[in-house]
Amino acid sequence: MEDLIAVILFSISATLTPGPSNFMLMNAGLNHHFRRCIPHFLGTCIGFPVLFFISALGFGVIFEEIPIAKHILKIIGAIYLLYLAYKILKAHYNIRSRHDFKPFSFMHAAIFQWKTPKTWLLANSALSIYVAPTNYVHDVIVMGIILFMVSIPCSAAWLLLGANLKRYLKTETHEHIFNFFMAATLVVSVILIFIE
């Protein structure tokens, strides 16, 4: 691995930028105590590095070799994201029912990241750009560790952002606006899946 700084910057970009996983973490932080969100947080931090290792084993090639698999994943991921958007929007209508929208379990959060083709494309891009064929195993291990280490503060930032928003969302109207925004961002992410 020749350019460690470039790998770290890629990892920050992949784990800090807005997206469904980070929005779900922020929503969990808003609606639940930080401690209750730890399995969700850890699953998010581990999900992408594990997907990266799976891609390194060659499973990511499936999407290149069998294009229909990519389309099937897009459709399943889109339906799931739309379902989550509906759940977030519905949770608002009774201010006490917001806790019905539970944070993900560890496994659910980890697998959540595997449901969009963009995550697979990021993993495959990282493999092709930053992993040298002559030093494959070493570079894959180093990159996976960096992805995990970088995702801890990046994911924590989204969770803490949600937890800190609680003090500003004191009325049902405020919660309605916020939940509408969160649901809308998930719907936009579904649209972007089909544009890319």
Protein backbone atom coordinates (compact mmCIF):
# COMPACT_ATOMS: atom_id res chain seq x y z
CA MET A 1 0.00 0.00 0.00
CA GLU A 2 1.87 3.01 -1.30
CA ASP A 3 -0.28 5.99 -0.30
CA LEU A 4 -1.58 5.61 3.23
CA ILE A 5 -2.91 9.19 3.36
CA ALA A 6 -5.01 8.60 0.23
CA VAL A 7 -6.43 5.42 1.80
CA ILE A 8 -7.33 7.28 5.00
CA LEU A 9 -8.99 10.09 3.01
CA PHE A 10 -10.95 7.54 0.98
CA SER A 11 -12.04 5.81 4.20
CA ILE A 12 -13.21 9.12 5.72
CA SER A 13 -15.13 9.96 2.56
CA ALA A 14 -16.74 6.51 2.44
CA THR A 15 -17.81 6.51 6.10
CA LEU A 16 -18.51 10.18 6.93
CA THR A 17 -20.47 11.44 3.94
CA PRO A 18 -24.29 11.44 4.18
CA GLY A 19 -26.02 8.23 3.23
CA PRO A 20 -28.67 5.79 4.44
CA SER A 21 -26.46 4.16 7.12
CA ASN A 22 -25.45 7.50 8.62
CA PHE A 23 -29.00 8.85 8.49
CA MET A 24 -30.25 5.76 10.29
CA LEU A 25 -27.57 6.22 12.97
CA MET A 26 -28.57 9.86 13.43
CA ASN A 27 -32.23 8.87 13.72
CA ALA A 28 -31.35 6.20 16.29
CA GLY A 29 -29.39 8.76 18.32
CA LEU A 30 -32.34 11.15 18.25
CA ASN A 31 -34.92 8.61 19.35
CA HIS A 32 -32.96 6.49 21.82
CA HIS A 33 -30.36 6.71 24.55
CA PHE A 34 -26.78 6.46 23.25
CA ARG A 35 -26.18 3.22 25.17
CA ARG A 36 -29.15 1.54 23.49
CA CYS A 37 -27.67 2.43 20.08
CA ILE A 38 -24.25 0.83 20.68
CA PRO A 39 -25.09 -2.44 18.82
CA HIS A 40 -26.38 -0.35 15.88
CA PHE A 41 -23.21 1.77 16.00
CA LEU A 42 -20.86 -1.23 16.14
CA GLY A 43 -22.71 -3.00 13.33
CA THR A 44 -22.34 0.09 11.15
CA CYS A 45 -18.61 0.35 11.95
CA ILE A 46 -17.96 -3.31 11.14
CA GLY A 47 -20.37 -3.72 8.22
CA PHE A 48 -18.37 -1.90 5.55
CA PRO A 49 -14.96 -3.43 6.40
CA VAL A 50 -16.53 -6.91 6.36
CA LEU A 51 -18.10 -6.15 2.98
CA PHE A 52 -14.65 -4.99 1.82
CA PHE A 53 -13.15 -8.34 2.89
CA ILE A 54 -15.96 -10.21 1.12
CA SER A 55 -15.24 -8.23 -2.05
CA ALA A 56 -11.54 -9.03 -1.66
CA LEU A 57 -12.45 -12.73 -1.71
CA GLY A 58 -13.94 -12.14 -5.15
CA PHE A 59 -17.66 -11.96 -4.39
CA GLY A 60 -17.86 -8.38 -5.66
CA VAL A 61 -17.09 -9.66 -9.16
CA ILE A 62 -20.57 -11.26 -9.20
CA PHE A 63 -22.07 -7.83 -9.94
CA GLU A 64 -19.74 -7.39 -12.91
CA GLU A 65 -20.21 -10.90 -14.27
CA ILE A 66 -23.97 -11.19 -13.64
CA PRO A 67 -25.52 -7.73 -14.27
CA ILE A 68 -29.00 -8.94 -13.27
CA ALA A 69 -27.70 -9.54 -9.71
CA LYS A 70 -26.94 -5.83 -9.43
CA HIS A 71 -30.46 -4.91 -10.58
CA ILE A 72 -32.04 -7.36 -8.16
CA LEU A 73 -29.98 -5.87 -5.32
CA LYS A 74 -31.06 -2.37 -6.37
CA ILE A 75 -34.75 -3.32 -6.27
CA ILE A 76 -34.51 -5.12 -2.91
CA GLY A 77 -32.47 -2.27 -1.42
CA ALA A 78 -34.92 0.34 -2.76
CA ILE A 79 -37.95 -1.45 -1.33
CA TYR A 80 -36.24 -1.77 2.03
CA LEU A 81 -35.20 1.90 2.15
CA LEU A 82 -38.72 3.00 1.22
CA TYR A 83 -40.09 0.80 4.02
CA LEU A 84 -37.68 2.45 6.49
CA ALA A 85 -38.70 5.91 5.24
CA TYR A 86 -42.34 5.00 5.87
CA LYS A 87 -41.53 3.74 9.39
CA ILE A 88 -39.66 6.96 10.23
CA LEU A 89 -42.49 9.12 8.91
CA LYS A 90 -45.15 7.08 10.69
CA ALA A 91 -43.26 7.16 14.00
CA HIS A 92 -43.90 10.90 14.21
CA TYR A 93 -47.66 10.95 14.32
CA ASN A 94 -47.74 10.01 17.98
CA ILE A 95 -44.84 11.64 19.80
CA ARG A 96 -44.70 8.73 22.26
CA SER A 97 -44.53 6.18 19.44
CA ARG A 98 -41.19 7.42 18.14
CA HIS A 99 -39.62 4.72 20.32
CA ASP A 100 -41.42 2.14 18.16
CA PHE A 101 -38.69 2.80 15.61
CA LYS A 102 -36.00 0.77 17.35
CA PRO A 103 -32.29 1.11 16.62
CA PHE A 104 -30.90 -1.69 14.48
CA SER A 105 -29.36 -4.73 16.11
CA PHE A 106 -25.65 -5.32 15.50
CA MET A 107 -26.30 -7.79 12.68
CA HIS A 108 -29.08 -5.72 11.12
CA ALA A 109 -26.82 -2.63 11.00
CA ALA A 110 -23.92 -4.60 9.50
CA ILE A 111 -26.08 -6.19 6.81
CA PHE A 112 -27.86 -2.89 6.11
CA GLN A 113 -24.72 -1.57 4.41
CA TRP A 114 -24.62 -4.54 2.04
CA LYS A 115 -28.00 -3.75 0.51
CA THR A 116 -26.99 -1.03 -1.93
CA PRO A 117 -24.83 -1.47 -5.01
CA LYS A 118 -22.99 1.78 -4.18
CA THR A 119 -21.37 0.17 -1.13
CA TRP A 120 -20.20 -2.77 -3.22
CA LEU A 121 -18.86 -0.38 -5.86
CA LEU A 122 -16.95 1.57 -3.19
CA ALA A 123 -15.41 -1.66 -1.91
CA ASN A 124 -14.44 -2.79 -5.41
CA SER A 125 -13.05 0.66 -6.25
CA ALA A 126 -10.91 0.58 -3.11
CA LEU A 127 -9.60 -2.84 -4.10
CA SER A 128 -8.70 -1.78 -7.62
CA ILE A 129 -7.15 1.59 -6.66
CA TYR A 130 -5.40 1.02 -3.33
CA VAL A 131 -4.60 -2.71 -3.19
CA ALA A 132 -1.48 -3.79 -5.05
CA PRO A 133 -1.74 -7.25 -6.68
CA THR A 134 1.84 -7.98 -5.61
CA ASN A 135 1.01 -7.37 -1.94
CA TYR A 136 -2.66 -8.33 -2.02
CA VAL A 137 -3.26 -10.00 1.36
CA HIS A 138 -1.25 -7.42 3.32
CA ASP A 139 -2.93 -4.47 1.59
CA VAL A 140 -6.43 -5.93 2.03
CA ILE A 141 -5.86 -6.45 5.76
CA VAL A 142 -4.40 -2.94 6.23
CA MET A 143 -7.23 -1.31 4.25
CA GLY A 144 -9.89 -3.24 6.18
CA ILE A 145 -8.37 -2.16 9.50
CA ILE A 146 -8.19 1.47 8.34
CA LEU A 147 -11.83 1.37 7.20
CA PHE A 148 -12.85 0.06 10.61
CA MET A 149 -10.74 2.54 12.61
CA VAL A 150 -11.92 5.53 10.56
CA SER A 151 -15.57 4.47 10.71
CA ILE A 152 -15.57 4.63 14.54
CA PRO A 153 -15.29 8.44 14.86
CA CYS A 154 -17.22 9.06 11.61
CA SER A 155 -20.20 6.92 12.66
CA ALA A 156 -20.03 8.24 16.23
CA ALA A 157 -20.33 11.78 14.85
CA TRP A 158 -23.67 10.92 13.20
CA LEU A 159 -24.97 9.14 16.30
CA LEU A 160 -23.97 12.05 18.55
CA LEU A 161 -25.49 14.54 16.11
CA GLY A 162 -28.81 12.74 16.45
CA ALA A 163 -28.50 12.57 20.26
CA ASN A 164 -27.77 16.31 20.43
CA LEU A 165 -30.71 17.18 18.18
CA LYS A 166 -33.06 16.07 20.99
CA ARG A 167 -32.69 19.39 22.75
CA TYR A 168 -33.95 21.25 19.66
CA LEU A 169 -36.87 18.98 18.81
CA LYS A 170 -39.13 19.67 21.76
CA THR A 171 -42.52 19.82 20.08
CA GLU A 172 -44.45 17.42 17.93
CA THR A 173 -44.21 19.89 15.03
CA HIS A 174 -40.41 19.92 15.28
CA GLU A 175 -40.33 16.13 15.31
CA HIS A 176 -42.68 16.01 12.36
CA ILE A 177 -40.39 18.29 10.32
CA PHE A 178 -37.29 16.33 11.27
CA ASN A 179 -38.82 12.91 10.58
CA PHE A 180 -40.21 14.17 7.28
CA PHE A 181 -36.70 15.37 6.34
CA MET A 182 -35.16 12.01 7.35
CA ALA A 183 -37.78 10.05 5.40
CA ALA A 184 -37.28 12.34 2.39
CA THR A 185 -33.50 11.81 2.43
CA LEU A 186 -34.02 8.05 2.32
CA VAL A 187 -36.43 8.44 -0.61
CA VAL A 188 -33.85 10.62 -2.41
CA SER A 189 -31.19 7.97 -1.77
CA VAL A 190 -33.50 5.43 -3.46
CA ILE A 191 -33.83 7.72 -6.50
CA LEU A 192 -30.04 8.11 -6.61
CA ILE A 193 -29.60 4.32 -6.60
CA PHE A 194 -31.43 4.15 -9.93
CA ILE A 195 -29.73 7.22 -11.42
CA GLU A 196 -26.19 5.93 -10.80
